[in-house]
Amino acid sequence: MGPDINADGILDEVDENVAPGIIY
């Protein structure tokens, strides 16, 4: 889930670790 990017204390989709090949 990556680091807590938005510093809300919750690891959710906002903090997703986006690897090469992930489709958007």
PDBML (XML) file of the C-alpha atoms, coordinates in Angstrom:
<?xml version="1.0" encoding="UTF-8" ?>
<PDBx:datablock datablockName="MODEL"
   xmlns:PDBx="http://pdbml.pdb.org/schema/pdbx-v50.xsd"
   xmlns:xsi="http://www.w3.org/2001/XMLSchema-instance"
   xsi:schemaLocation="http://pdbml.pdb.org/schema/pdbx-v50.xsd pdbx-v50.xsd">
   <PDBx:atom_siteCategory>
      <PDBx:atom_site id="1">
         <PDBx:B_iso_or_equiv>0.00</PDBx:B_iso_or_equiv>
         <PDBx:Cartn_x>0.000</PDBx:Cartn_x>
         <PDBx:Cartn_y>0.000</PDBx:Cartn_y>
         <PDBx:Cartn_z>0.000</PDBx:Cartn_z>
         <PDBx:auth_asym_id>A</PDBx:auth_asym_id>
         <PDBx:auth_atom_id>CA</PDBx:auth_atom_id>
         <PDBx:auth_comp_id>MET</PDBx:auth_comp_id>
         <PDBx:auth_seq_id>1</PDBx:auth_seq_id>
         <PDBx:group_PDB>ATOM</PDBx:group_PDB>
         <PDBx:label_alt_id xsi:nil="true" />
         <PDBx:label_asym_id>A</PDBx:label_asym_id>
         <PDBx:label_atom_id>CA</PDBx:label_atom_id>
         <PDBx:label_comp_id>MET</PDBx:label_comp_id>
         <PDBx:label_entity_id>1</PDBx:label_entity_id>
         <PDBx:label_seq_id>1</PDBx:label_seq_id>
         <PDBx:occupancy>1.00</PDBx:occupancy>
         <PDBx:pdbx_PDB_model_num>1</PDBx:pdbx_PDB_model_num>
         <PDBx:type_symbol>C</PDBx:type_symbol>
      </PDBx:atom_site>
      <PDBx:atom_site id="2">
         <PDBx:B_iso_or_equiv>0.00</PDBx:B_iso_or_equiv>
         <PDBx:Cartn_x>3.036</PDBx:Cartn_x>
         <PDBx:Cartn_y>2.279</PDBx:Cartn_y>
         <PDBx:Cartn_z>-0.037</PDBx:Cartn_z>
         <PDBx:auth_asym_id>A</PDBx:auth_asym_id>
         <PDBx:auth_atom_id>CA</PDBx:auth_atom_id>
         <PDBx:auth_comp_id>GLY</PDBx:auth_comp_id>
         <PDBx:auth_seq_id>2</PDBx:auth_seq_id>
         <PDBx:group_PDB>ATOM</PDBx:group_PDB>
         <PDBx:label_alt_id xsi:nil="true" />
         <PDBx:label_asym_id>A</PDBx:label_asym_id>
         <PDBx:label_atom_id>CA</PDBx:label_atom_id>
         <PDBx:label_comp_id>GLY</PDBx:label_comp_id>
         <PDBx:label_entity_id>1</PDBx:label_entity_id>
         <PDBx:label_seq_id>2</PDBx:label_seq_id>
         <PDBx:occupancy>1.00</PDBx:occupancy>
         <PDBx:pdbx_PDB_model_num>1</PDBx:pdbx_PDB_model_num>
         <PDBx:type_symbol>C</PDBx:type_symbol>
      </PDBx:atom_site>
      <PDBx:atom_site id="3">
         <PDBx:B_iso_or_equiv>0.00</PDBx:B_iso_or_equiv>
         <PDBx:Cartn_x>3.688</PDBx:Cartn_x>
         <PDBx:Cartn_y>5.081</PDBx:Cartn_y>
         <PDBx:Cartn_z>2.471</PDBx:Cartn_z>
         <PDBx:auth_asym_id>A</PDBx:auth_asym_id>
         <PDBx:auth_atom_id>CA</PDBx:auth_atom_id>
         <PDBx:auth_comp_id>PRO</PDBx:auth_comp_id>
         <PDBx:auth_seq_id>3</PDBx:auth_seq_id>
         <PDBx:group_PDB>ATOM</PDBx:group_PDB>
         <PDBx:label_alt_id xsi:nil="true" />
         <PDBx:label_asym_id>A</PDBx:label_asym_id>
         <PDBx:label_atom_id>CA</PDBx:label_atom_id>
         <PDBx:label_comp_id>PRO</PDBx:label_comp_id>
         <PDBx:label_entity_id>1</PDBx:label_entity_id>
         <PDBx:label_seq_id>3</PDBx:label_seq_id>
         <PDBx:occupancy>1.00</PDBx:occupancy>
         <PDBx:pdbx_PDB_model_num>1</PDBx:pdbx_PDB_model_num>
         <PDBx:type_symbol>C</PDBx:type_symbol>
      </PDBx:atom_site>
      <PDBx:atom_site id="4">
         <PDBx:B_iso_or_equiv>0.00</PDBx:B_iso_or_equiv>
         <PDBx:Cartn_x>0.924</PDBx:Cartn_x>
         <PDBx:Cartn_y>7.043</PDBx:Cartn_y>
         <PDBx:Cartn_z>4.180</PDBx:Cartn_z>
         <PDBx:auth_asym_id>A</PDBx:auth_asym_id>
         <PDBx:auth_atom_id>CA</PDBx:auth_atom_id>
         <PDBx:auth_comp_id>ASP</PDBx:auth_comp_id>
         <PDBx:auth_seq_id>4</PDBx:auth_seq_id>
         <PDBx:group_PDB>ATOM</PDBx:group_PDB>
         <PDBx:label_alt_id xsi:nil="true" />
         <PDBx:label_asym_id>A</PDBx:label_asym_id>
         <PDBx:label_atom_id>CA</PDBx:label_atom_id>
         <PDBx:label_comp_id>ASP</PDBx:label_comp_id>
         <PDBx:label_entity_id>1</PDBx:label_entity_id>
         <PDBx:label_seq_id>4</PDBx:label_seq_id>
         <PDBx:occupancy>1.00</PDBx:occupancy>
         <PDBx:pdbx_PDB_model_num>1</PDBx:pdbx_PDB_model_num>
         <PDBx:type_symbol>C</PDBx:type_symbol>
      </PDBx:atom_site>
      <PDBx:atom_site id="5">
         <PDBx:B_iso_or_equiv>0.00</PDBx:B_iso_or_equiv>
         <PDBx:Cartn_x>1.050</PDBx:Cartn_x>
         <PDBx:Cartn_y>9.750</PDBx:Cartn_y>
         <PDBx:Cartn_z>1.515</PDBx:Cartn_z>
         <PDBx:auth_asym_id>A</PDBx:auth_asym_id>
         <PDBx:auth_atom_id>CA</PDBx:auth_atom_id>
         <PDBx:auth_comp_id>ILE</PDBx:auth_comp_id>
         <PDBx:auth_seq_id>5</PDBx:auth_seq_id>
         <PDBx:group_PDB>ATOM</PDBx:group_PDB>
         <PDBx:label_alt_id xsi:nil="true" />
         <PDBx:label_asym_id>A</PDBx:label_asym_id>
         <PDBx:label_atom_id>CA</PDBx:label_atom_id>
         <PDBx:label_comp_id>ILE</PDBx:label_comp_id>
         <PDBx:label_entity_id>1</PDBx:label_entity_id>
         <PDBx:label_seq_id>5</PDBx:label_seq_id>
         <PDBx:occupancy>1.00</PDBx:occupancy>
         <PDBx:pdbx_PDB_model_num>1</PDBx:pdbx_PDB_model_num>
         <PDBx:type_symbol>C</PDBx:type_symbol>
      </PDBx:atom_site>
      <PDBx:atom_site id="6">
         <PDBx:B_iso_or_equiv>0.00</PDBx:B_iso_or_equiv>
         <PDBx:Cartn_x>-1.853</PDBx:Cartn_x>
         <PDBx:Cartn_y>11.845</PDBx:Cartn_y>
         <PDBx:Cartn_z>2.785</PDBx:Cartn_z>
         <PDBx:auth_asym_id>A</PDBx:auth_asym_id>
         <PDBx:auth_atom_id>CA</PDBx:auth_atom_id>
         <PDBx:auth_comp_id>ASN</PDBx:auth_comp_id>
         <PDBx:auth_seq_id>6</PDBx:auth_seq_id>
         <PDBx:group_PDB>ATOM</PDBx:group_PDB>
         <PDBx:label_alt_id xsi:nil="true" />
         <PDBx:label_asym_id>A</PDBx:label_asym_id>
         <PDBx:label_atom_id>CA</PDBx:label_atom_id>
         <PDBx:label_comp_id>ASN</PDBx:label_comp_id>
         <PDBx:label_entity_id>1</PDBx:label_entity_id>
         <PDBx:label_seq_id>6</PDBx:label_seq_id>
         <PDBx:occupancy>1.00</PDBx:occupancy>
         <PDBx:pdbx_PDB_model_num>1</PDBx:pdbx_PDB_model_num>
         <PDBx:type_symbol>C</PDBx:type_symbol>
      </PDBx:atom_site>
      <PDBx:atom_site id="7">
         <PDBx:B_iso_or_equiv>0.00</PDBx:B_iso_or_equiv>
         <PDBx:Cartn_x>-0.804</PDBx:Cartn_x>
         <PDBx:Cartn_y>11.430</PDBx:Cartn_y>
         <PDBx:Cartn_z>6.452</PDBx:Cartn_z>
         <PDBx:auth_asym_id>A</PDBx:auth_asym_id>
         <PDBx:auth_atom_id>CA</PDBx:auth_atom_id>
         <PDBx:auth_comp_id>ALA</PDBx:auth_comp_id>
         <PDBx:auth_seq_id>7</PDBx:auth_seq_id>
         <PDBx:group_PDB>ATOM</PDBx:group_PDB>
         <PDBx:label_alt_id xsi:nil="true" />
         <PDBx:label_asym_id>A</PDBx:label_asym_id>
         <PDBx:label_atom_id>CA</PDBx:label_atom_id>
         <PDBx:label_comp_id>ALA</PDBx:label_comp_id>
         <PDBx:label_entity_id>1</PDBx:label_entity_id>
         <PDBx:label_seq_id>7</PDBx:label_seq_id>
         <PDBx:occupancy>1.00</PDBx:occupancy>
         <PDBx:pdbx_PDB_model_num>1</PDBx:pdbx_PDB_model_num>
         <PDBx:type_symbol>C</PDBx:type_symbol>
      </PDBx:atom_site>
      <PDBx:atom_site id="8">
         <PDBx:B_iso_or_equiv>0.00</PDBx:B_iso_or_equiv>
         <PDBx:Cartn_x>-4.297</PDBx:Cartn_x>
         <PDBx:Cartn_y>10.416</PDBx:Cartn_y>
         <PDBx:Cartn_z>7.587</PDBx:Cartn_z>
         <PDBx:auth_asym_id>A</PDBx:auth_asym_id>
         <PDBx:auth_atom_id>CA</PDBx:auth_atom_id>
         <PDBx:auth_comp_id>ASP</PDBx:auth_comp_id>
         <PDBx:auth_seq_id>8</PDBx:auth_seq_id>
         <PDBx:group_PDB>ATOM</PDBx:group_PDB>
         <PDBx:label_alt_id xsi:nil="true" />
         <PDBx:label_asym_id>A</PDBx:label_asym_id>
         <PDBx:label_atom_id>CA</PDBx:label_atom_id>
         <PDBx:label_comp_id>ASP</PDBx:label_comp_id>
         <PDBx:label_entity_id>1</PDBx:label_entity_id>
         <PDBx:label_seq_id>8</PDBx:label_seq_id>
         <PDBx:occupancy>1.00</PDBx:occupancy>
         <PDBx:pdbx_PDB_model_num>1</PDBx:pdbx_PDB_model_num>
         <PDBx:type_symbol>C</PDBx:type_symbol>
      </PDBx:atom_site>
      <PDBx:atom_site id="9">
         <PDBx:B_iso_or_equiv>0.00</PDBx:B_iso_or_equiv>
         <PDBx:Cartn_x>-3.074</PDBx:Cartn_x>
         <PDBx:Cartn_y>7.421</PDBx:Cartn_y>
         <PDBx:Cartn_z>9.615</PDBx:Cartn_z>
         <PDBx:auth_asym_id>A</PDBx:auth_asym_id>
         <PDBx:auth_atom_id>CA</PDBx:auth_atom_id>
         <PDBx:auth_comp_id>GLY</PDBx:auth_comp_id>
         <PDBx:auth_seq_id>9</PDBx:auth_seq_id>
         <PDBx:group_PDB>ATOM</PDBx:group_PDB>
         <PDBx:label_alt_id xsi:nil="true" />
         <PDBx:label_asym_id>A</PDBx:label_asym_id>
         <PDBx:label_atom_id>CA</PDBx:label_atom_id>
         <PDBx:label_comp_id>GLY</PDBx:label_comp_id>
         <PDBx:label_entity_id>1</PDBx:label_entity_id>
         <PDBx:label_seq_id>9</PDBx:label_seq_id>
         <PDBx:occupancy>1.00</PDBx:occupancy>
         <PDBx:pdbx_PDB_model_num>1</PDBx:pdbx_PDB_model_num>
         <PDBx:type_symbol>C</PDBx:type_symbol>
      </PDBx:atom_site>
      <PDBx:atom_site id="10">
         <PDBx:B_iso_or_equiv>0.00</PDBx:B_iso_or_equiv>
         <PDBx:Cartn_x>-4.799</PDBx:Cartn_x>
         <PDBx:Cartn_y>4.984</PDBx:Cartn_y>
         <PDBx:Cartn_z>7.244</PDBx:Cartn_z>
         <PDBx:auth_asym_id>A</PDBx:auth_asym_id>
         <PDBx:auth_atom_id>CA</PDBx:auth_atom_id>
         <PDBx:auth_comp_id>ILE</PDBx:auth_comp_id>
         <PDBx:auth_seq_id>10</PDBx:auth_seq_id>
         <PDBx:group_PDB>ATOM</PDBx:group_PDB>
         <PDBx:label_alt_id xsi:nil="true" />
         <PDBx:label_asym_id>A</PDBx:label_asym_id>
         <PDBx:label_atom_id>CA</PDBx:label_atom_id>
         <PDBx:label_comp_id>ILE</PDBx:label_comp_id>
         <PDBx:label_entity_id>1</PDBx:label_entity_id>
         <PDBx:label_seq_id>10</PDBx:label_seq_id>
         <PDBx:occupancy>1.00</PDBx:occupancy>
         <PDBx:pdbx_PDB_model_num>1</PDBx:pdbx_PDB_model_num>
         <PDBx:type_symbol>C</PDBx:type_symbol>
      </PDBx:atom_site>
      <PDBx:atom_site id="11">
         <PDBx:B_iso_or_equiv>0.00</PDBx:B_iso_or_equiv>
         <PDBx:Cartn_x>-3.247</PDBx:Cartn_x>
         <PDBx:Cartn_y>2.984</PDBx:Cartn_y>
         <PDBx:Cartn_z>4.416</PDBx:Cartn_z>
         <PDBx:auth_asym_id>A</PDBx:auth_asym_id>
         <PDBx:auth_atom_id>CA</PDBx:auth_atom_id>
         <PDBx:auth_comp_id>LEU</PDBx:auth_comp_id>
         <PDBx:auth_seq_id>11</PDBx:auth_seq_id>
         <PDBx:group_PDB>ATOM</PDBx:group_PDB>
         <PDBx:label_alt_id xsi:nil="true" />
         <PDBx:label_asym_id>A</PDBx:label_asym_id>
         <PDBx:label_atom_id>CA</PDBx:label_atom_id>
         <PDBx:label_comp_id>LEU</PDBx:label_comp_id>
         <PDBx:label_entity_id>1</PDBx:label_entity_id>
         <PDBx:label_seq_id>11</PDBx:label_seq_id>
         <PDBx:occupancy>1.00</PDBx:occupancy>
         <PDBx:pdbx_PDB_model_num>1</PDBx:pdbx_PDB_model_num>
         <PDBx:type_symbol>C</PDBx:type_symbol>
      </PDBx:atom_site>
      <PDBx:atom_site id="12">
         <PDBx:B_iso_or_equiv>0.00</PDBx:B_iso_or_equiv>
         <PDBx:Cartn_x>-5.891</PDBx:Cartn_x>
         <PDBx:Cartn_y>2.886</PDBx:Cartn_y>
         <PDBx:Cartn_z>1.694</PDBx:Cartn_z>
         <PDBx:auth_asym_id>A</PDBx:auth_asym_id>
         <PDBx:auth_atom_id>CA</PDBx:auth_atom_id>
         <PDBx:auth_comp_id>ASP</PDBx:auth_comp_id>
         <PDBx:auth_seq_id>12</PDBx:auth_seq_id>
         <PDBx:group_PDB>ATOM</PDBx:group_PDB>
         <PDBx:label_alt_id xsi:nil="true" />
         <PDBx:label_asym_id>A</PDBx:label_asym_id>
         <PDBx:label_atom_id>CA</PDBx:label_atom_id>
         <PDBx:label_comp_id>ASP</PDBx:label_comp_id>
         <PDBx:label_entity_id>1</PDBx:label_entity_id>
         <PDBx:label_seq_id>12</PDBx:label_seq_id>
         <PDBx:occupancy>1.00</PDBx:occupancy>
         <PDBx:pdbx_PDB_model_num>1</PDBx:pdbx_PDB_model_num>
         <PDBx:type_symbol>C</PDBx:type_symbol>
      </PDBx:atom_site>
      <PDBx:atom_site id="13">
         <PDBx:B_iso_or_equiv>0.00</PDBx:B_iso_or_equiv>
         <PDBx:Cartn_x>-6.108</PDBx:Cartn_x>
         <PDBx:Cartn_y>3.139</PDBx:Cartn_y>
         <PDBx:Cartn_z>-2.103</PDBx:Cartn_z>
         <PDBx:auth_asym_id>A</PDBx:auth_asym_id>
         <PDBx:auth_atom_id>CA</PDBx:auth_atom_id>
         <PDBx:auth_comp_id>GLU</PDBx:auth_comp_id>
         <PDBx:auth_seq_id>13</PDBx:auth_seq_id>
         <PDBx:group_PDB>ATOM</PDBx:group_PDB>
         <PDBx:label_alt_id xsi:nil="true" />
         <PDBx:label_asym_id>A</PDBx:label_asym_id>
         <PDBx:label_atom_id>CA</PDBx:label_atom_id>
         <PDBx:label_comp_id>GLU</PDBx:label_comp_id>
         <PDBx:label_entity_id>1</PDBx:label_entity_id>
         <PDBx:label_seq_id>13</PDBx:label_seq_id>
         <PDBx:occupancy>1.00</PDBx:occupancy>
         <PDBx:pdbx_PDB_model_num>1</PDBx:pdbx_PDB_model_num>
         <PDBx:type_symbol>C</PDBx:type_symbol>
      </PDBx:atom_site>
      <PDBx:atom_site id="14">
         <PDBx:B_iso_or_equiv>0.00</PDBx:B_iso_or_equiv>
         <PDBx:Cartn_x>-4.835</PDBx:Cartn_x>
         <PDBx:Cartn_y>6.719</PDBx:Cartn_y>
         <PDBx:Cartn_z>-1.947</PDBx:Cartn_z>
         <PDBx:auth_asym_id>A</PDBx:auth_asym_id>
         <PDBx:auth_atom_id>CA</PDBx:auth_atom_id>
         <PDBx:auth_comp_id>VAL</PDBx:auth_comp_id>
         <PDBx:auth_seq_id>14</PDBx:auth_seq_id>
         <PDBx:group_PDB>ATOM</PDBx:group_PDB>
         <PDBx:label_alt_id xsi:nil="true" />
         <PDBx:label_asym_id>A</PDBx:label_asym_id>
         <PDBx:label_atom_id>CA</PDBx:label_atom_id>
         <PDBx:label_comp_id>VAL</PDBx:label_comp_id>
         <PDBx:label_entity_id>1</PDBx:label_entity_id>
         <PDBx:label_seq_id>14</PDBx:label_seq_id>
         <PDBx:occupancy>1.00</PDBx:occupancy>
         <PDBx:pdbx_PDB_model_num>1</PDBx:pdbx_PDB_model_num>
         <PDBx:type_symbol>C</PDBx:type_symbol>
      </PDBx:atom_site>
      <PDBx:atom_site id="15">
         <PDBx:B_iso_or_equiv>0.00</PDBx:B_iso_or_equiv>
         <PDBx:Cartn_x>-1.544</PDBx:Cartn_x>
         <PDBx:Cartn_y>5.304</PDBx:Cartn_y>
         <PDBx:Cartn_z>-0.609</PDBx:Cartn_z>
         <PDBx:auth_asym_id>A</PDBx:auth_asym_id>
         <PDBx:auth_atom_id>CA</PDBx:auth_atom_id>
         <PDBx:auth_comp_id>ASP</PDBx:auth_comp_id>
         <PDBx:auth_seq_id>15</PDBx:auth_seq_id>
         <PDBx:group_PDB>ATOM</PDBx:group_PDB>
         <PDBx:label_alt_id xsi:nil="true" />
         <PDBx:label_asym_id>A</PDBx:label_asym_id>
         <PDBx:label_atom_id>CA</PDBx:label_atom_id>
         <PDBx:label_comp_id>ASP</PDBx:label_comp_id>
         <PDBx:label_entity_id>1</PDBx:label_entity_id>
         <PDBx:label_seq_id>15</PDBx:label_seq_id>
         <PDBx:occupancy>1.00</PDBx:occupancy>
         <PDBx:pdbx_PDB_model_num>1</PDBx:pdbx_PDB_model_num>
         <PDBx:type_symbol>C</PDBx:type_symbol>
      </PDBx:atom_site>
      <PDBx:atom_site id="16">
         <PDBx:B_iso_or_equiv>0.00</PDBx:B_iso_or_equiv>
         <PDBx:Cartn_x>-1.361</PDBx:Cartn_x>
         <PDBx:Cartn_y>2.504</PDBx:Cartn_y>
         <PDBx:Cartn_z>-3.187</PDBx:Cartn_z>
         <PDBx:auth_asym_id>A</PDBx:auth_asym_id>
         <PDBx:auth_atom_id>CA</PDBx:auth_atom_id>
         <PDBx:auth_comp_id>GLU</PDBx:auth_comp_id>
         <PDBx:auth_seq_id>16</PDBx:auth_seq_id>
         <PDBx:group_PDB>ATOM</PDBx:group_PDB>
         <PDBx:label_alt_id xsi:nil="true" />
         <PDBx:label_asym_id>A</PDBx:label_asym_id>
         <PDBx:label_atom_id>CA</PDBx:label_atom_id>
         <PDBx:label_comp_id>GLU</PDBx:label_comp_id>
         <PDBx:label_entity_id>1</PDBx:label_entity_id>
         <PDBx:label_seq_id>16</PDBx:label_seq_id>
         <PDBx:occupancy>1.00</PDBx:occupancy>
         <PDBx:pdbx_PDB_model_num>1</PDBx:pdbx_PDB_model_num>
         <PDBx:type_symbol>C</PDBx:type_symbol>
      </PDBx:atom_site>
      <PDBx:atom_site id="17">
         <PDBx:B_iso_or_equiv>0.00</PDBx:B_iso_or_equiv>
         <PDBx:Cartn_x>2.123</PDBx:Cartn_x>
         <PDBx:Cartn_y>1.472</PDBx:Cartn_y>
         <PDBx:Cartn_z>-4.314</PDBx:Cartn_z>
         <PDBx:auth_asym_id>A</PDBx:auth_asym_id>
         <PDBx:auth_atom_id>CA</PDBx:auth_atom_id>
         <PDBx:auth_comp_id>ASN</PDBx:auth_comp_id>
         <PDBx:auth_seq_id>17</PDBx:auth_seq_id>
         <PDBx:group_PDB>ATOM</PDBx:group_PDB>
         <PDBx:label_alt_id xsi:nil="true" />
         <PDBx:label_asym_id>A</PDBx:label_asym_id>
         <PDBx:label_atom_id>CA</PDBx:label_atom_id>
         <PDBx:label_comp_id>ASN</PDBx:label_comp_id>
         <PDBx:label_entity_id>1</PDBx:label_entity_id>
         <PDBx:label_seq_id>17</PDBx:label_seq_id>
         <PDBx:occupancy>1.00</PDBx:occupancy>
         <PDBx:pdbx_PDB_model_num>1</PDBx:pdbx_PDB_model_num>
         <PDBx:type_symbol>C</PDBx:type_symbol>
      </PDBx:atom_site>
      <PDBx:atom_site id="18">
         <PDBx:B_iso_or_equiv>0.00</PDBx:B_iso_or_equiv>
         <PDBx:Cartn_x>1.840</PDBx:Cartn_x>
         <PDBx:Cartn_y>1.910</PDBx:Cartn_y>
         <PDBx:Cartn_z>-8.098</PDBx:Cartn_z>
         <PDBx:auth_asym_id>A</PDBx:auth_asym_id>
         <PDBx:auth_atom_id>CA</PDBx:auth_atom_id>
         <PDBx:auth_comp_id>VAL</PDBx:auth_comp_id>
         <PDBx:auth_seq_id>18</PDBx:auth_seq_id>
         <PDBx:group_PDB>ATOM</PDBx:group_PDB>
         <PDBx:label_alt_id xsi:nil="true" />
         <PDBx:label_asym_id>A</PDBx:label_asym_id>
         <PDBx:label_atom_id>CA</PDBx:label_atom_id>
         <PDBx:label_comp_id>VAL</PDBx:label_comp_id>
         <PDBx:label_entity_id>1</PDBx:label_entity_id>
         <PDBx:label_seq_id>18</PDBx:label_seq_id>
         <PDBx:occupancy>1.00</PDBx:occupancy>
         <PDBx:pdbx_PDB_model_num>1</PDBx:pdbx_PDB_model_num>
         <PDBx:type_symbol>C</PDBx:type_symbol>
      </PDBx:atom_site>
      <PDBx:atom_site id="19">
         <PDBx:B_iso_or_equiv>0.00</PDBx:B_iso_or_equiv>
         <PDBx:Cartn_x>4.200</PDBx:Cartn_x>
         <PDBx:Cartn_y>-0.464</PDBx:Cartn_y>
         <PDBx:Cartn_z>-9.937</PDBx:Cartn_z>
         <PDBx:auth_asym_id>A</PDBx:auth_asym_id>
         <PDBx:auth_atom_id>CA</PDBx:auth_atom_id>
         <PDBx:auth_comp_id>ALA</PDBx:auth_comp_id>
         <PDBx:auth_seq_id>19</PDBx:auth_seq_id>
         <PDBx:group_PDB>ATOM</PDBx:group_PDB>
         <PDBx:label_alt_id xsi:nil="true" />
         <PDBx:label_asym_id>A</PDBx:label_asym_id>
         <PDBx:label_atom_id>CA</PDBx:label_atom_id>
         <PDBx:label_comp_id>ALA</PDBx:label_comp_id>
         <PDBx:label_entity_id>1</PDBx:label_entity_id>
         <PDBx:label_seq_id>19</PDBx:label_seq_id>
         <PDBx:occupancy>1.00</PDBx:occupancy>
         <PDBx:pdbx_PDB_model_num>1</PDBx:pdbx_PDB_model_num>
         <PDBx:type_symbol>C</PDBx:type_symbol>
      </PDBx:atom_site>
      <PDBx:atom_site id="20">
         <PDBx:B_iso_or_equiv>0.00</PDBx:B_iso_or_equiv>
         <PDBx:Cartn_x>5.161</PDBx:Cartn_x>
         <PDBx:Cartn_y>-0.382</PDBx:Cartn_y>
         <PDBx:Cartn_z>-13.628</PDBx:Cartn_z>
         <PDBx:auth_asym_id>A</PDBx:auth_asym_id>
         <PDBx:auth_atom_id>CA</PDBx:auth_atom_id>
         <PDBx:auth_comp_id>PRO</PDBx:auth_comp_id>
         <PDBx:auth_seq_id>20</PDBx:auth_seq_id>
         <PDBx:group_PDB>ATOM</PDBx:group_PDB>
         <PDBx:label_alt_id xsi:nil="true" />
         <PDBx:label_asym_id>A</PDBx:label_asym_id>
         <PDBx:label_atom_id>CA</PDBx:label_atom_id>
         <PDBx:label_comp_id>PRO</PDBx:label_comp_id>
         <PDBx:label_entity_id>1</PDBx:label_entity_id>
         <PDBx:label_seq_id>20</PDBx:label_seq_id>
         <PDBx:occupancy>1.00</PDBx:occupancy>
         <PDBx:pdbx_PDB_model_num>1</PDBx:pdbx_PDB_model_num>
         <PDBx:type_symbol>C</PDBx:type_symbol>
      </PDBx:atom_site>
      <PDBx:atom_site id="21">
         <PDBx:B_iso_or_equiv>0.00</PDBx:B_iso_or_equiv>
         <PDBx:Cartn_x>2.436</PDBx:Cartn_x>
         <PDBx:Cartn_y>-2.011</PDBx:Cartn_y>
         <PDBx:Cartn_z>-15.722</PDBx:Cartn_z>
         <PDBx:auth_asym_id>A</PDBx:auth_asym_id>
         <PDBx:auth_atom_id>CA</PDBx:auth_atom_id>
         <PDBx:auth_comp_id>GLY</PDBx:auth_comp_id>
         <PDBx:auth_seq_id>21</PDBx:auth_seq_id>
         <PDBx:group_PDB>ATOM</PDBx:group_PDB>
         <PDBx:label_alt_id xsi:nil="true" />
         <PDBx:label_asym_id>A</PDBx:label_asym_id>
         <PDBx:label_atom_id>CA</PDBx:label_atom_id>
         <PDBx:label_comp_id>GLY</PDBx:label_comp_id>
         <PDBx:label_entity_id>1</PDBx:label_entity_id>
         <PDBx:label_seq_id>21</PDBx:label_seq_id>
         <PDBx:occupancy>1.00</PDBx:occupancy>
         <PDBx:pdbx_PDB_model_num>1</PDBx:pdbx_PDB_model_num>
         <PDBx:type_symbol>C</PDBx:type_symbol>
      </PDBx:atom_site>
      <PDBx:atom_site id="22">
         <PDBx:B_iso_or_equiv>0.00</PDBx:B_iso_or_equiv>
         <PDBx:Cartn_x>-0.471</PDBx:Cartn_x>
         <PDBx:Cartn_y>-0.922</PDBx:Cartn_y>
         <PDBx:Cartn_z>-13.501</PDBx:Cartn_z>
         <PDBx:auth_asym_id>A</PDBx:auth_asym_id>
         <PDBx:auth_atom_id>CA</PDBx:auth_atom_id>
         <PDBx:auth_comp_id>ILE</PDBx:auth_comp_id>
         <PDBx:auth_seq_id>22</PDBx:auth_seq_id>
         <PDBx:group_PDB>ATOM</PDBx:group_PDB>
         <PDBx:label_alt_id xsi:nil="true" />
         <PDBx:label_asym_id>A</PDBx:label_asym_id>
         <PDBx:label_atom_id>CA</PDBx:label_atom_id>
         <PDBx:label_comp_id>ILE</PDBx:label_comp_id>
         <PDBx:label_entity_id>1</PDBx:label_entity_id>
         <PDBx:label_seq_id>22</PDBx:label_seq_id>
         <PDBx:occupancy>1.00</PDBx:occupancy>
         <PDBx:pdbx_PDB_model_num>1</PDBx:pdbx_PDB_model_num>
         <PDBx:type_symbol>C</PDBx:type_symbol>
      </PDBx:atom_site>
      <PDBx:atom_site id="23">
         <PDBx:B_iso_or_equiv>0.00</PDBx:B_iso_or_equiv>
         <PDBx:Cartn_x>-3.366</PDBx:Cartn_x>
         <PDBx:Cartn_y>0.099</PDBx:Cartn_y>
         <PDBx:Cartn_z>-15.743</PDBx:Cartn_z>
         <PDBx:auth_asym_id>A</PDBx:auth_asym_id>
         <PDBx:auth_atom_id>CA</PDBx:auth_atom_id>
         <PDBx:auth_comp_id>ILE</PDBx:auth_comp_id>
         <PDBx:auth_seq_id>23</PDBx:auth_seq_id>
         <PDBx:group_PDB>ATOM</PDBx:group_PDB>
         <PDBx:label_alt_id xsi:nil="true" />
         <PDBx:label_asym_id>A</PDBx:label_asym_id>
         <PDBx:label_atom_id>CA</PDBx:label_atom_id>
         <PDBx:label_comp_id>ILE</PDBx:label_comp_id>
         <PDBx:label_entity_id>1</PDBx:label_entity_id>
         <PDBx:label_seq_id>23</PDBx:label_seq_id>
         <PDBx:occupancy>1.00</PDBx:occupancy>
         <PDBx:pdbx_PDB_model_num>1</PDBx:pdbx_PDB_model_num>
         <PDBx:type_symbol>C</PDBx:type_symbol>
      </PDBx:atom_site>
      <PDBx:atom_site id="24">
         <PDBx:B_iso_or_equiv>0.00</PDBx:B_iso_or_equiv>
         <PDBx:Cartn_x>-5.230</PDBx:Cartn_x>
         <PDBx:Cartn_y>3.376</PDBx:Cartn_y>
         <PDBx:Cartn_z>-15.193</PDBx:Cartn_z>
         <PDBx:auth_asym_id>A</PDBx:auth_asym_id>
         <PDBx:auth_atom_id>CA</PDBx:auth_atom_id>
         <PDBx:auth_comp_id>TYR</PDBx:auth_comp_id>
         <PDBx:auth_seq_id>24</PDBx:auth_seq_id>
         <PDBx:group_PDB>ATOM</PDBx:group_PDB>
         <PDBx:label_alt_id xsi:nil="true" />
         <PDBx:label_asym_id>A</PDBx:label_asym_id>
         <PDBx:label_atom_id>CA</PDBx:label_atom_id>
         <PDBx:label_comp_id>TYR</PDBx:label_comp_id>
         <PDBx:label_entity_id>1</PDBx:label_entity_id>
         <PDBx:label_seq_id>24</PDBx:label_seq_id>
         <PDBx:occupancy>1.00</PDBx:occupancy>
         <PDBx:pdbx_PDB_model_num>1</PDBx:pdbx_PDB_model_num>
         <PDBx:type_symbol>C</PDBx:type_symbol>
      </PDBx:atom_site>
   </PDBx:atom_siteCategory>
</PDBx:datablock>
